[in-house]
């Protein structure tokens, strides 16, 4: 029986490898049919870019002296009425003592390594998603507690918020936040001499409020899954509603809501790709810009998908770690 079981798993593992190999072959065959040239060697420059910075003269005159000190050098240009000294890298000097130069001439150059456009987009996606997740948790927690509250005003406000947000597409909500609420708020701020709010914060607001509605339902379901006897027992010990929720109900509910919360936050990271429509250069918009200029759609969209997979898989592993730690405690 053990041998049959081992053979069974070996067969289906081989089947998985075969299927994946077939898919890769079909992709390769399809790209050959459309006469596409793979250029993976050009992808790294969109993660780390190197730029030559030029130090130019501001006055007309003669290079009076070049005093080198280790990796730096002090380059002095003497004009008719003024003298200027430039601190330049010693190995990047492009002039010699005695040279006559004009304003705008290159005195020295040096290289600067900067994050590429894809790395910038990845960082902005992380930043926006993290902030939206934090605010989404807070909004969802309060809305979920209000949803199960005995106060009819809080309960109806929570239901209205949840149903409105869940009943309209996220794309429409982003448009509303940016073009409607954003315009109104920034106009009011400008009348009082206050700088306008950046579009990134309207994007964060739309994502946080959208996620908050789903988190609220997750919190409500988690609270209602705890037996009512737990609440009655805590109240019989003299706890009020807030103490009962804080010390008895929510700690137990958290164990049950962690998996659906992880799924919601993974969806939020992917939903952040919609923010490109309001000129936020997150990962998807950055990839689209690079594809437009480089004409490498296959490589770059594969890289974009892998970067999103890296983010969502890391979050999934982190939530599973929290689950294990919680169960141990």
C-alpha atoms as a PDB file:
ATOM      1  CA  UNK A   1       0.000   0.000   0.000  1.00  0.00           C
ATOM      2  CA  UNK A   2       2.848   2.372   0.837  1.00  0.00           C
ATOM      3  CA  UNK A   3       4.537   1.682  -2.512  1.00  0.00           C
ATOM      4  CA  UNK A   4       1.313   2.354  -4.417  1.00  0.00           C
ATOM      5  CA  UNK A   5       0.866   5.620  -2.542  1.00  0.00           C
ATOM      6  CA  UNK A   6       4.425   6.693  -3.337  1.00  0.00           C
ATOM      7  CA  UNK A   7       3.984   5.776  -6.994  1.00  0.00           C
ATOM      8  CA  UNK A   8       0.709   7.697  -7.057  1.00  0.00           C
ATOM      9  CA  UNK A   9       2.349  10.904  -5.830  1.00  0.00           C
ATOM     10  CA  UNK A  10       5.343  10.408  -8.116  1.00  0.00           C
ATOM     11  CA  UNK A  11       3.048  10.046 -11.130  1.00  0.00           C
ATOM     12  CA  UNK A  12       1.058  13.191 -10.388  1.00  0.00           C
ATOM     13  CA  UNK A  13       4.182  15.205  -9.582  1.00  0.00           C
ATOM     14  CA  UNK A  14       5.528  14.204 -12.983  1.00  0.00           C
ATOM     15  CA  UNK A  15       2.171  15.168 -14.491  1.00  0.00           C
ATOM     16  CA  UNK A  16       2.433  18.624 -12.906  1.00  0.00           C
ATOM     17  CA  UNK A  17       5.948  19.107 -14.263  1.00  0.00           C
ATOM     18  CA  UNK A  18       4.786  17.948 -17.680  1.00  0.00           C
ATOM     19  CA  UNK A  19       1.827  20.333 -17.729  1.00  0.00           C
ATOM     20  CA  UNK A  20       3.994  23.284 -16.709  1.00  0.00           C
ATOM     21  CA  UNK A  21       6.576  22.327 -19.328  1.00  0.00           C
ATOM     22  CA  UNK A  22       3.843  22.144 -21.960  1.00  0.00           C
ATOM     23  CA  UNK A  23       2.564  25.591 -21.023  1.00  0.00           C
ATOM     24  CA  UNK A  24       6.073  27.049 -21.269  1.00  0.00           C
ATOM     25  CA  UNK A  25       6.567  25.368 -24.641  1.00  0.00           C
ATOM     26  CA  UNK A  26       3.252  26.729 -25.944  1.00  0.00           C
ATOM     27  CA  UNK A  27       4.236  30.236 -24.820  1.00  0.00           C
ATOM     28  CA  UNK A  28       7.619  29.915 -26.514  1.00  0.00           C
ATOM     29  CA  UNK A  29       5.983  28.575 -29.683  1.00  0.00           C
ATOM     30  CA  UNK A  30       3.414  31.383 -29.728  1.00  0.00           C
ATOM     31  CA  UNK A  31       6.093  34.082 -29.377  1.00  0.00           C
ATOM     32  CA  UNK A  32       8.061  32.513 -32.222  1.00  0.00           C
ATOM     33  CA  UNK A  33       4.965  32.547 -34.385  1.00  0.00           C
ATOM     34  CA  UNK A  34       4.534  36.309 -33.891  1.00  0.00           C
ATOM     35  CA  UNK A  35       8.261  36.863 -34.504  1.00  0.00           C
ATOM     36  CA  UNK A  36       8.957  38.265 -31.028  1.00  0.00           C
ATOM     37  CA  UNK A  37      12.544  38.677 -29.805  1.00  0.00           C
ATOM     38  CA  UNK A  38      12.993  38.135 -26.067  1.00  0.00           C
ATOM     39  CA  UNK A  39      15.290  40.758 -24.508  1.00  0.00           C
ATOM     40  CA  UNK A  40      15.543  39.870 -20.831  1.00  0.00           C
ATOM     41  CA  UNK A  41      18.964  41.531 -20.611  1.00  0.00           C
ATOM     42  CA  UNK A  42      17.285  44.937 -20.846  1.00  0.00           C
ATOM     43  CA  UNK A  43      15.002  44.387 -17.838  1.00  0.00           C
ATOM     44  CA  UNK A  44      17.532  45.071 -14.986  1.00  0.00           C
ATOM     45  CA  UNK A  45      17.986  48.700 -16.071  1.00  0.00           C
ATOM     46  CA  UNK A  46      14.376  49.374 -15.044  1.00  0.00           C
ATOM     47  CA  UNK A  47      15.192  48.289 -11.484  1.00  0.00           C
ATOM     48  CA  UNK A  48      18.528  50.028 -11.031  1.00  0.00           C
ATOM     49  CA  UNK A  49      19.499  52.881 -13.349  1.00  0.00           C
ATOM     50  CA  UNK A  50      22.831  54.661 -13.656  1.00  0.00           C
ATOM     51  CA  UNK A  51      22.881  58.299 -14.700  1.00  0.00           C
ATOM     52  CA  UNK A  52      25.830  60.533 -15.615  1.00  0.00           C
ATOM     53  CA  UNK A  53      25.721  63.864 -13.778  1.00  0.00           C
ATOM     54  CA  UNK A  54      27.663  66.749 -15.315  1.00  0.00           C
ATOM     55  CA  UNK A  55      29.235  69.582 -13.337  1.00  0.00           C
ATOM     56  CA  UNK A  56      29.286  72.644 -15.579  1.00  0.00           C
ATOM     57  CA  UNK A  57      31.112  75.955 -15.314  1.00  0.00           C
ATOM     58  CA  UNK A  58      29.089  79.013 -14.369  1.00  0.00           C
ATOM     59  CA  UNK A  59      31.626  81.653 -15.382  1.00  0.00           C
ATOM     60  CA  UNK A  60      34.046  82.283 -18.218  1.00  0.00           C
ATOM     61  CA  UNK A  61      37.705  81.956 -17.386  1.00  0.00           C
ATOM     62  CA  UNK A  62      40.782  79.778 -17.116  1.00  0.00           C
ATOM     63  CA  UNK A  63      41.273  76.622 -15.071  1.00  0.00           C
ATOM     64  CA  UNK A  64      43.688  78.035 -12.537  1.00  0.00           C
ATOM     65  CA  UNK A  65      44.327  74.906 -10.444  1.00  0.00           C
ATOM     66  CA  UNK A  66      43.196  71.356  -9.772  1.00  0.00           C
ATOM     67  CA  UNK A  67      43.988  70.247  -6.215  1.00  0.00           C
ATOM     68  CA  UNK A  68      43.374  66.501  -5.806  1.00  0.00           C
ATOM     69  CA  UNK A  69      42.766  64.972  -2.382  1.00  0.00           C
ATOM     70  CA  UNK A  70      42.019  61.238  -2.428  1.00  0.00           C
ATOM     71  CA  UNK A  71      38.747  60.780  -4.333  1.00  0.00           C
ATOM     72  CA  UNK A  72      37.832  64.477  -4.382  1.00  0.00           C
ATOM     73  CA  UNK A  73      39.378  67.458  -6.120  1.00  0.00           C
ATOM     74  CA  UNK A  74      39.021  71.238  -5.848  1.00  0.00           C
ATOM     75  CA  UNK A  75      38.876  72.766  -9.319  1.00  0.00           C
ATOM     76  CA  UNK A  76      39.357  76.552  -9.449  1.00  0.00           C
ATOM     77  CA  UNK A  77      38.241  78.666 -12.398  1.00  0.00           C
ATOM     78  CA  UNK A  78      39.581  82.232 -12.506  1.00  0.00           C
ATOM     79  CA  UNK A  79      37.663  84.796 -14.530  1.00  0.00           C
ATOM     80  CA  UNK A  80      38.290  88.460 -15.193  1.00  0.00           C
ATOM     81  CA  UNK A  81      36.279  89.688 -12.220  1.00  0.00           C
ATOM     82  CA  UNK A  82      35.545  86.569 -10.136  1.00  0.00           C
ATOM     83  CA  UNK A  83      36.903  83.171  -9.169  1.00  0.00           C
ATOM     84  CA  UNK A  84      34.944  80.034  -8.429  1.00  0.00           C
ATOM     85  CA  UNK A  85      35.979  76.715  -6.911  1.00  0.00           C
ATOM     86  CA  UNK A  86      34.129  73.509  -7.680  1.00  0.00           C
ATOM     87  CA  UNK A  87      34.344  70.315  -5.634  1.00  0.00           C
ATOM     88  CA  UNK A  88      34.429  67.482  -8.152  1.00  0.00           C
ATOM     89  CA  UNK A  89      35.286  63.743  -8.174  1.00  0.00           C
ATOM     90  CA  UNK A  90      38.979  63.275  -8.928  1.00  0.00           C
ATOM     91  CA  UNK A  91      38.449  60.526 -11.503  1.00  0.00           C
ATOM     92  CA  UNK A  92      35.751  62.418 -13.401  1.00  0.00           C
ATOM     93  CA  UNK A  93      37.611  65.629 -14.312  1.00  0.00           C
ATOM     94  CA  UNK A  94      37.278  66.555 -17.992  1.00  0.00           C
ATOM     95  CA  UNK A  95      39.560  69.626 -18.150  1.00  0.00           C
ATOM     96  CA  UNK A  96      43.213  70.447 -17.503  1.00  0.00           C
ATOM     97  CA  UNK A  97      45.017  73.317 -15.827  1.00  0.00           C
ATOM     98  CA  UNK A  98      45.333  76.241 -18.216  1.00  0.00           C
ATOM     99  CA  UNK A  99      42.256  75.351 -20.266  1.00  0.00           C
ATOM    100  CA  UNK A 100      40.026  78.296 -21.140  1.00  0.00           C
ATOM    101  CA  UNK A 101      36.366  77.513 -20.601  1.00  0.00           C
ATOM    102  CA  UNK A 102      33.012  79.167 -21.185  1.00  0.00           C
ATOM    103  CA  UNK A 103      29.816  79.097 -19.084  1.00  0.00           C
ATOM    104  CA  UNK A 104      28.125  75.739 -19.519  1.00  0.00           C
ATOM    105  CA  UNK A 105      31.266  73.774 -20.360  1.00  0.00           C
ATOM    106  CA  UNK A 106      31.548  70.388 -18.618  1.00  0.00           C
ATOM    107  CA  UNK A 107      34.198  70.427 -15.888  1.00  0.00           C
ATOM    108  CA  UNK A 108      33.637  66.914 -14.514  1.00  0.00           C
ATOM    109  CA  UNK A 109      31.171  64.055 -14.500  1.00  0.00           C
ATOM    110  CA  UNK A 110      30.161  61.375 -12.022  1.00  0.00           C
ATOM    111  CA  UNK A 111      27.743  58.488 -11.979  1.00  0.00           C
ATOM    112  CA  UNK A 112      24.695  58.272  -9.733  1.00  0.00           C
ATOM    113  CA  UNK A 113      22.864  54.994  -9.154  1.00  0.00           C
ATOM    114  CA  UNK A 114      19.160  55.432  -8.608  1.00  0.00           C
ATOM    115  CA  UNK A 115      16.147  53.148  -8.279  1.00  0.00           C
ATOM    116  CA  UNK A 116      14.621  52.395 -11.651  1.00  0.00           C
ATOM    117  CA  UNK A 117      11.025  53.112 -12.592  1.00  0.00           C
ATOM    118  CA  UNK A 118       9.862  49.577 -11.734  1.00  0.00           C
ATOM    119  CA  UNK A 119      11.477  49.734  -8.302  1.00  0.00           C
ATOM    120  CA  UNK A 120       9.875  53.136  -7.700  1.00  0.00           C
ATOM    121  CA  UNK A 121       6.493  51.727  -8.746  1.00  0.00           C
ATOM    122  CA  UNK A 122       6.949  48.711  -6.472  1.00  0.00           C
ATOM    123  CA  UNK A 123       7.815  50.947  -3.527  1.00  0.00           C
ATOM    124  CA  UNK A 124       4.779  53.172  -4.158  1.00  0.00           C
ATOM    125  CA  UNK A 125       2.525  50.113  -4.369  1.00  0.00           C
ATOM    126  CA  UNK A 126       3.906  48.911  -1.028  1.00  0.00           C
ATOM    127  CA  UNK A 127       3.481  52.329   0.550  1.00  0.00           C
ATOM    128  CA  UNK A 128      -0.076  52.872  -0.662  1.00  0.00           C
ATOM    129  CA  UNK A 129      -1.161  49.323   0.192  1.00  0.00           C
ATOM    130  CA  UNK A 130       0.357  49.413   3.686  1.00  0.00           C
ATOM    131  CA  UNK A 131      -1.283  52.733   4.602  1.00  0.00           C
ATOM    132  CA  UNK A 132      -4.612  51.623   3.122  1.00  0.00           C
ATOM    133  CA  UNK A 133      -4.456  48.326   5.044  1.00  0.00           C
ATOM    134  CA  UNK A 134      -3.855  50.115   8.365  1.00  0.00           C
ATOM    135  CA  UNK A 135      -6.736  52.543   7.850  1.00  0.00           C
ATOM    136  CA  UNK A 136      -8.908  49.763   6.401  1.00  0.00           C
ATOM    137  CA  UNK A 137      -8.438  47.723   9.587  1.00  0.00           C
ATOM    138  CA  UNK A 138      -9.372  50.684  11.789  1.00  0.00           C
ATOM    139  CA  UNK A 139     -12.406  51.614   9.679  1.00  0.00           C
ATOM    140  CA  UNK A 140     -13.528  48.005   9.386  1.00  0.00           C
ATOM    141  CA  UNK A 141     -13.122  47.348  13.108  1.00  0.00           C
ATOM    142  CA  UNK A 142     -15.265  50.319  14.116  1.00  0.00           C
ATOM    143  CA  UNK A 143     -17.831  49.648  11.371  1.00  0.00           C
ATOM    144  CA  UNK A 144     -17.995  45.955  12.324  1.00  0.00           C
ATOM    145  CA  UNK A 145     -18.559  46.770  15.991  1.00  0.00           C
ATOM    146  CA  UNK A 146     -21.217  49.302  15.015  1.00  0.00           C
ATOM    147  CA  UNK A 147     -22.830  46.658  12.798  1.00  0.00           C
ATOM    148  CA  UNK A 148     -23.487  44.380  15.806  1.00  0.00           C
ATOM    149  CA  UNK A 149     -24.277  47.239  18.182  1.00  0.00           C
ATOM    150  CA  UNK A 150     -27.681  47.654  19.830  1.00  0.00           C
ATOM    151  CA  UNK A 151     -27.605  51.371  18.988  1.00  0.00           C
ATOM    152  CA  UNK A 152     -29.913  51.740  15.943  1.00  0.00           C
ATOM    153  CA  UNK A 153     -28.155  54.911  14.690  1.00  0.00           C
ATOM    154  CA  UNK A 154     -24.705  53.298  14.669  1.00  0.00           C
ATOM    155  CA  UNK A 155     -26.080  50.059  13.231  1.00  0.00           C
ATOM    156  CA  UNK A 156     -27.938  51.748  10.360  1.00  0.00           C
ATOM    157  CA  UNK A 157     -24.985  54.022   9.562  1.00  0.00           C
ATOM    158  CA  UNK A 158     -22.736  50.975   9.395  1.00  0.00           C
ATOM    159  CA  UNK A 159     -25.160  49.057   7.179  1.00  0.00           C
ATOM    160  CA  UNK A 160     -25.524  52.056   4.836  1.00  0.00           C
ATOM    161  CA  UNK A 161     -21.752  52.431   4.552  1.00  0.00           C
ATOM    162  CA  UNK A 162     -21.142  48.728   3.978  1.00  0.00           C
ATOM    163  CA  UNK A 163     -23.884  48.263   1.400  1.00  0.00           C
ATOM    164  CA  UNK A 164     -22.986  51.419  -0.538  1.00  0.00           C
ATOM    165  CA  UNK A 165     -19.279  50.624  -0.715  1.00  0.00           C
ATOM    166  CA  UNK A 166     -19.727  46.936  -1.511  1.00  0.00           C
ATOM    167  CA  UNK A 167     -22.438  47.726  -4.050  1.00  0.00           C
ATOM    168  CA  UNK A 168     -20.328  50.025  -6.254  1.00  0.00           C
ATOM    169  CA  UNK A 169     -17.143  49.244  -8.208  1.00  0.00           C
ATOM    170  CA  UNK A 170     -13.812  50.353  -6.786  1.00  0.00           C
ATOM    171  CA  UNK A 171     -12.993  52.088 -10.073  1.00  0.00           C
ATOM    172  CA  UNK A 172     -16.041  54.332  -9.692  1.00  0.00           C
ATOM    173  CA  UNK A 173     -15.108  55.106  -6.081  1.00  0.00           C
ATOM    174  CA  UNK A 174     -11.580  56.117  -7.131  1.00  0.00           C
ATOM    175  CA  UNK A 175     -13.077  58.480  -9.721  1.00  0.00           C
ATOM    176  CA  UNK A 176     -15.409  59.929  -7.082  1.00  0.00           C
ATOM    177  CA  UNK A 177     -12.603  60.503  -4.597  1.00  0.00           C
ATOM    178  CA  UNK A 178     -10.250  62.085  -7.111  1.00  0.00           C
ATOM    179  CA  UNK A 179     -12.493  64.055  -9.456  1.00  0.00           C
ATOM    180  CA  UNK A 180     -15.391  64.948  -7.118  1.00  0.00           C
ATOM    181  CA  UNK A 181     -14.275  64.956  -3.485  1.00  0.00           C
ATOM    182  CA  UNK A 182     -10.706  65.852  -4.405  1.00  0.00           C
ATOM    183  CA  UNK A 183     -11.764  68.849  -6.483  1.00  0.00           C
ATOM    184  CA  UNK A 184     -14.123  70.124  -3.783  1.00  0.00           C
ATOM    185  CA  UNK A 185     -11.620  69.673  -0.950  1.00  0.00           C
ATOM    186  CA  UNK A 186      -8.676  71.204  -2.838  1.00  0.00           C
ATOM    187  CA  UNK A 187     -10.784  74.184  -3.926  1.00  0.00           C
ATOM    188  CA  UNK A 188     -11.790  74.815  -0.319  1.00  0.00           C
ATOM    189  CA  UNK A 189      -8.161  74.520   0.796  1.00  0.00           C
ATOM    190  CA  UNK A 190      -6.913  76.909  -1.900  1.00  0.00           C
ATOM    191  CA  UNK A 191      -9.425  79.561  -0.808  1.00  0.00           C
ATOM    192  CA  UNK A 192      -7.817  79.537   2.626  1.00  0.00           C
ATOM    193  CA  UNK A 193      -4.258  79.512   1.308  1.00  0.00           C
ATOM    194  CA  UNK A 194      -3.638  75.854   2.200  1.00  0.00           C
ATOM    195  CA  UNK A 195      -1.656  73.681  -0.261  1.00  0.00           C
ATOM    196  CA  UNK A 196      -3.755  71.059  -2.103  1.00  0.00           C
ATOM    197  CA  UNK A 197      -3.764  67.427  -1.075  1.00  0.00           C
ATOM    198  CA  UNK A 198      -1.787  65.108  -3.346  1.00  0.00           C
ATOM    199  CA  UNK A 199      -3.644  62.593  -5.498  1.00  0.00           C
ATOM    200  CA  UNK A 200      -1.916  59.727  -3.688  1.00  0.00           C
ATOM    201  CA  UNK A 201      -3.918  60.440  -0.525  1.00  0.00           C
ATOM    202  CA  UNK A 202      -7.211  60.330  -2.413  1.00  0.00           C
ATOM    203  CA  UNK A 203      -6.088  56.984  -3.780  1.00  0.00           C
ATOM    204  CA  UNK A 204      -5.281  55.769  -0.261  1.00  0.00           C
ATOM    205  CA  UNK A 205      -8.658  57.012   0.990  1.00  0.00           C
ATOM    206  CA  UNK A 206     -10.559  55.167  -1.741  1.00  0.00           C
ATOM    207  CA  UNK A 207      -8.673  51.914  -1.076  1.00  0.00           C
ATOM    208  CA  UNK A 208      -8.975  52.182   2.724  1.00  0.00           C
ATOM    209  CA  UNK A 209     -12.711  52.890   2.695  1.00  0.00           C
ATOM    210  CA  UNK A 210     -13.296  50.148   0.120  1.00  0.00           C
ATOM    211  CA  UNK A 211     -11.341  47.619   2.190  1.00  0.00           C
ATOM    212  CA  UNK A 212     -12.956  48.845   5.414  1.00  0.00           C
ATOM    213  CA  UNK A 213     -16.413  47.799   4.227  1.00  0.00           C
ATOM    214  CA  UNK A 214     -15.274  44.225   3.620  1.00  0.00           C
ATOM    215  CA  UNK A 215     -13.255  44.132   6.839  1.00  0.00           C
ATOM    216  CA  UNK A 216     -16.375  45.279   8.691  1.00  0.00           C
ATOM    217  CA  UNK A 217     -18.329  42.271   7.428  1.00  0.00           C
ATOM    218  CA  UNK A 218     -15.431  39.968   8.309  1.00  0.00           C
ATOM    219  CA  UNK A 219     -15.317  41.425  11.835  1.00  0.00           C
ATOM    220  CA  UNK A 220     -19.105  41.115  12.179  1.00  0.00           C
ATOM    221  CA  UNK A 221     -19.023  37.471  11.119  1.00  0.00           C
ATOM    222  CA  UNK A 222     -16.126  36.770  13.475  1.00  0.00           C
ATOM    223  CA  UNK A 223     -17.903  38.350  16.442  1.00  0.00           C
ATOM    224  CA  UNK A 224     -21.194  36.603  15.745  1.00  0.00           C
ATOM    225  CA  UNK A 225     -19.407  33.253  15.424  1.00  0.00           C
ATOM    226  CA  UNK A 226     -18.461  33.440  19.116  1.00  0.00           C
ATOM    227  CA  UNK A 227     -21.122  31.776  21.252  1.00  0.00           C
ATOM    228  CA  UNK A 228     -23.427  34.224  22.985  1.00  0.00           C
ATOM    229  CA  UNK A 229     -22.671  32.528  26.280  1.00  0.00           C
ATOM    230  CA  UNK A 230     -19.194  34.068  26.197  1.00  0.00           C
ATOM    231  CA  UNK A 231     -20.710  37.555  26.258  1.00  0.00           C
ATOM    232  CA  UNK A 232     -23.188  36.645  28.968  1.00  0.00           C
ATOM    233  CA  UNK A 233     -20.432  35.104  31.117  1.00  0.00           C
ATOM    234  CA  UNK A 234     -18.223  38.198  30.804  1.00  0.00           C
ATOM    235  CA  UNK A 235     -21.137  40.501  31.630  1.00  0.00           C
ATOM    236  CA  UNK A 236     -21.973  38.363  34.665  1.00  0.00           C
ATOM    237  CA  UNK A 237     -18.408  38.973  35.899  1.00  0.00           C
ATOM    238  CA  UNK A 238     -19.088  42.699  35.946  1.00  0.00           C
ATOM    239  CA  UNK A 239     -17.571  43.660  32.587  1.00  0.00           C
ATOM    240  CA  UNK A 240     -19.240  46.331  30.505  1.00  0.00           C
ATOM    241  CA  UNK A 241     -19.774  46.046  26.725  1.00  0.00           C
ATOM    242  CA  UNK A 242     -16.385  47.529  25.784  1.00  0.00           C
ATOM    243  CA  UNK A 243     -14.462  45.401  28.287  1.00  0.00           C
ATOM    244  CA  UNK A 244     -16.288  42.275  27.143  1.00  0.00           C
ATOM    245  CA  UNK A 245     -15.454  42.969  23.508  1.00  0.00           C
ATOM    246  CA  UNK A 246     -11.827  43.906  24.229  1.00  0.00           C
ATOM    247  CA  UNK A 247     -10.881  41.082  26.607  1.00  0.00           C
ATOM    248  CA  UNK A 248     -13.190  38.193  25.672  1.00  0.00           C
ATOM    249  CA  UNK A 249     -14.893  38.369  22.267  1.00  0.00           C
ATOM    250  CA  UNK A 250     -12.352  40.047  19.954  1.00  0.00           C
ATOM    251  CA  UNK A 251      -9.327  37.916  20.987  1.00  0.00           C
ATOM    252  CA  UNK A 252     -11.292  34.781  20.110  1.00  0.00           C
ATOM    253  CA  UNK A 253     -12.759  36.290  16.955  1.00  0.00           C
ATOM    254  CA  UNK A 254      -9.301  37.303  15.679  1.00  0.00           C
ATOM    255  CA  UNK A 255      -8.333  33.634  15.299  1.00  0.00           C
ATOM    256  CA  UNK A 256     -11.271  33.121  12.962  1.00  0.00           C
ATOM    257  CA  UNK A 257     -11.008  36.322  10.940  1.00  0.00           C
ATOM    258  CA  UNK A 258      -7.263  36.231  10.175  1.00  0.00           C
ATOM    259  CA  UNK A 259      -7.575  34.011   7.050  1.00  0.00           C
ATOM    260  CA  UNK A 260     -10.342  36.092   5.375  1.00  0.00           C
ATOM    261  CA  UNK A 261      -8.506  39.285   6.390  1.00  0.00           C
ATOM    262  CA  UNK A 262      -5.400  38.014   4.613  1.00  0.00           C
ATOM    263  CA  UNK A 263      -7.442  37.343   1.494  1.00  0.00           C
ATOM    264  CA  UNK A 264      -8.903  40.842   1.639  1.00  0.00           C
ATOM    265  CA  UNK A 265      -5.505  42.485   2.027  1.00  0.00           C
ATOM    266  CA  UNK A 266      -4.087  40.454  -0.849  1.00  0.00           C
ATOM    267  CA  UNK A 267      -6.970  41.697  -2.982  1.00  0.00           C
ATOM    268  CA  UNK A 268      -6.223  45.245  -1.816  1.00  0.00           C
ATOM    269  CA  UNK A 269      -2.627  45.014  -3.049  1.00  0.00           C
ATOM    270  CA  UNK A 270      -3.872  43.898  -6.457  1.00  0.00           C
ATOM    271  CA  UNK A 271      -6.627  46.536  -6.462  1.00  0.00           C
ATOM    272  CA  UNK A 272      -3.988  49.246  -5.986  1.00  0.00           C
ATOM    273  CA  UNK A 273      -3.160  48.752  -9.688  1.00  0.00           C
ATOM    274  CA  UNK A 274      -6.292  50.792 -10.461  1.00  0.00           C
ATOM    275  CA  UNK A 275      -4.707  53.932  -9.004  1.00  0.00           C
ATOM    276  CA  UNK A 276      -2.814  54.455 -12.253  1.00  0.00           C
ATOM    277  CA  UNK A 277      -5.968  56.034 -13.687  1.00  0.00           C
ATOM    278  CA  UNK A 278      -5.468  59.062 -11.396  1.00  0.00           C
ATOM    279  CA  UNK A 279      -1.798  59.522 -12.342  1.00  0.00           C
ATOM    280  CA  UNK A 280      -0.316  57.591  -9.423  1.00  0.00           C
ATOM    281  CA  UNK A 281       2.744  55.751 -10.734  1.00  0.00           C
ATOM    282  CA  UNK A 282       2.304  52.487  -8.904  1.00  0.00           C
ATOM    283  CA  UNK A 283       3.709  49.228 -10.252  1.00  0.00           C
ATOM    284  CA  UNK A 284       1.188  48.662 -13.041  1.00  0.00           C
ATOM    285  CA  UNK A 285       1.359  52.218 -14.366  1.00  0.00           C
ATOM    286  CA  UNK A 286       5.166  52.170 -14.167  1.00  0.00           C
ATOM    287  CA  UNK A 287       5.196  48.921 -16.158  1.00  0.00           C
ATOM    288  CA  UNK A 288       2.829  50.387 -18.741  1.00  0.00           C
ATOM    289  CA  UNK A 289       5.080  53.418 -19.183  1.00  0.00           C
ATOM    290  CA  UNK A 290       8.166  51.235 -19.644  1.00  0.00           C
ATOM    291  CA  UNK A 291       6.348  48.995 -22.137  1.00  0.00           C
ATOM    292  CA  UNK A 292       5.370  52.078 -24.150  1.00  0.00           C
ATOM    293  CA  UNK A 293       8.962  53.288 -24.431  1.00  0.00           C
ATOM    294  CA  UNK A 294      10.815  49.960 -24.680  1.00  0.00           C
ATOM    295  CA  UNK A 295       8.341  47.881 -26.740  1.00  0.00           C
ATOM    296  CA  UNK A 296       8.977  44.851 -24.515  1.00  0.00           C
ATOM    297  CA  UNK A 297       5.471  43.821 -23.409  1.00  0.00           C
ATOM    298  CA  UNK A 298       6.143  40.126 -22.760  1.00  0.00           C
ATOM    299  CA  UNK A 299       9.149  40.442 -20.472  1.00  0.00           C
ATOM    300  CA  UNK A 300       7.879  43.445 -18.525  1.00  0.00           C
ATOM    301  CA  UNK A 301       4.361  42.179 -17.905  1.00  0.00           C
ATOM    302  CA  UNK A 302       5.787  38.855 -16.729  1.00  0.00           C
ATOM    303  CA  UNK A 303       8.073  40.762 -14.356  1.00  0.00           C
ATOM    304  CA  UNK A 304       5.129  42.876 -13.153  1.00  0.00           C
ATOM    305  CA  UNK A 305       3.091  39.739 -12.420  1.00  0.00           C
ATOM    306  CA  UNK A 306       6.003  38.171 -10.537  1.00  0.00           C
ATOM    307  CA  UNK A 307       6.451  41.307  -8.414  1.00  0.00           C
ATOM    308  CA  UNK A 308       2.762  41.268  -7.438  1.00  0.00           C
ATOM    309  CA  UNK A 309       3.084  37.556  -6.670  1.00  0.00           C
ATOM    310  CA  UNK A 310       6.077  38.302  -4.444  1.00  0.00           C
ATOM    311  CA  UNK A 311       4.080  40.905  -2.492  1.00  0.00           C
ATOM    312  CA  UNK A 312       0.943  38.806  -2.062  1.00  0.00           C
ATOM    313  CA  UNK A 313       2.835  35.607  -1.245  1.00  0.00           C
ATOM    314  CA  UNK A 314       4.909  37.411   1.399  1.00  0.00           C
ATOM    315  CA  UNK A 315       1.753  38.798   3.007  1.00  0.00           C
ATOM    316  CA  UNK A 316       0.140  35.343   2.940  1.00  0.00           C
ATOM    317  CA  UNK A 317       3.190  33.799   4.653  1.00  0.00           C
ATOM    318  CA  UNK A 318       3.197  36.557   7.273  1.00  0.00           C
ATOM    319  CA  UNK A 319      -0.475  35.987   8.110  1.00  0.00           C
ATOM    320  CA  UNK A 320       0.132  32.231   8.383  1.00  0.00           C
ATOM    321  CA  UNK A 321       2.990  32.984  10.793  1.00  0.00           C
ATOM    322  CA  UNK A 322       0.653  35.138  12.896  1.00  0.00           C
ATOM    323  CA  UNK A 323      -1.915  32.325  12.920  1.00  0.00           C
ATOM    324  CA  UNK A 324       0.656  29.845  14.197  1.00  0.00           C
ATOM    325  CA  UNK A 325       1.896  32.241  16.865  1.00  0.00           C
ATOM    326  CA  UNK A 326      -1.669  32.895  17.996  1.00  0.00           C
ATOM    327  CA  UNK A 327      -2.493  29.190  18.186  1.00  0.00           C
ATOM    328  CA  UNK A 328       0.683  28.520  20.220  1.00  0.00           C
ATOM    329  CA  UNK A 329      -0.223  31.219  22.726  1.00  0.00           C
END
